Amino acid sequence: MDYLIENTTREERLKLVKKALGISISGAQMPTDETMQLVKEYVDGKKELKEVQKEIIERYKK
């Protein structure tokens, strides 16, 4: 599936995020508030998923 904002609805992006969040916390801690804010920006159509991923990875490199 193409996860670009232009090719998905808000509802599809929210479903994707919920599924990914469920998988990610199955053996780890909840994401930080900052990470969740970035994810919300994807759901709201403000940032592409690739941008969000890049920003999250950059935060953990520091």
Foldseek 3Di string as FASTA:
>chain_A
DDQFLVVDALVVLVVVVVVVQVVVPPPHDHDDPVLVVLSVCSSVNNDGPVVSVVVVVVVVVD
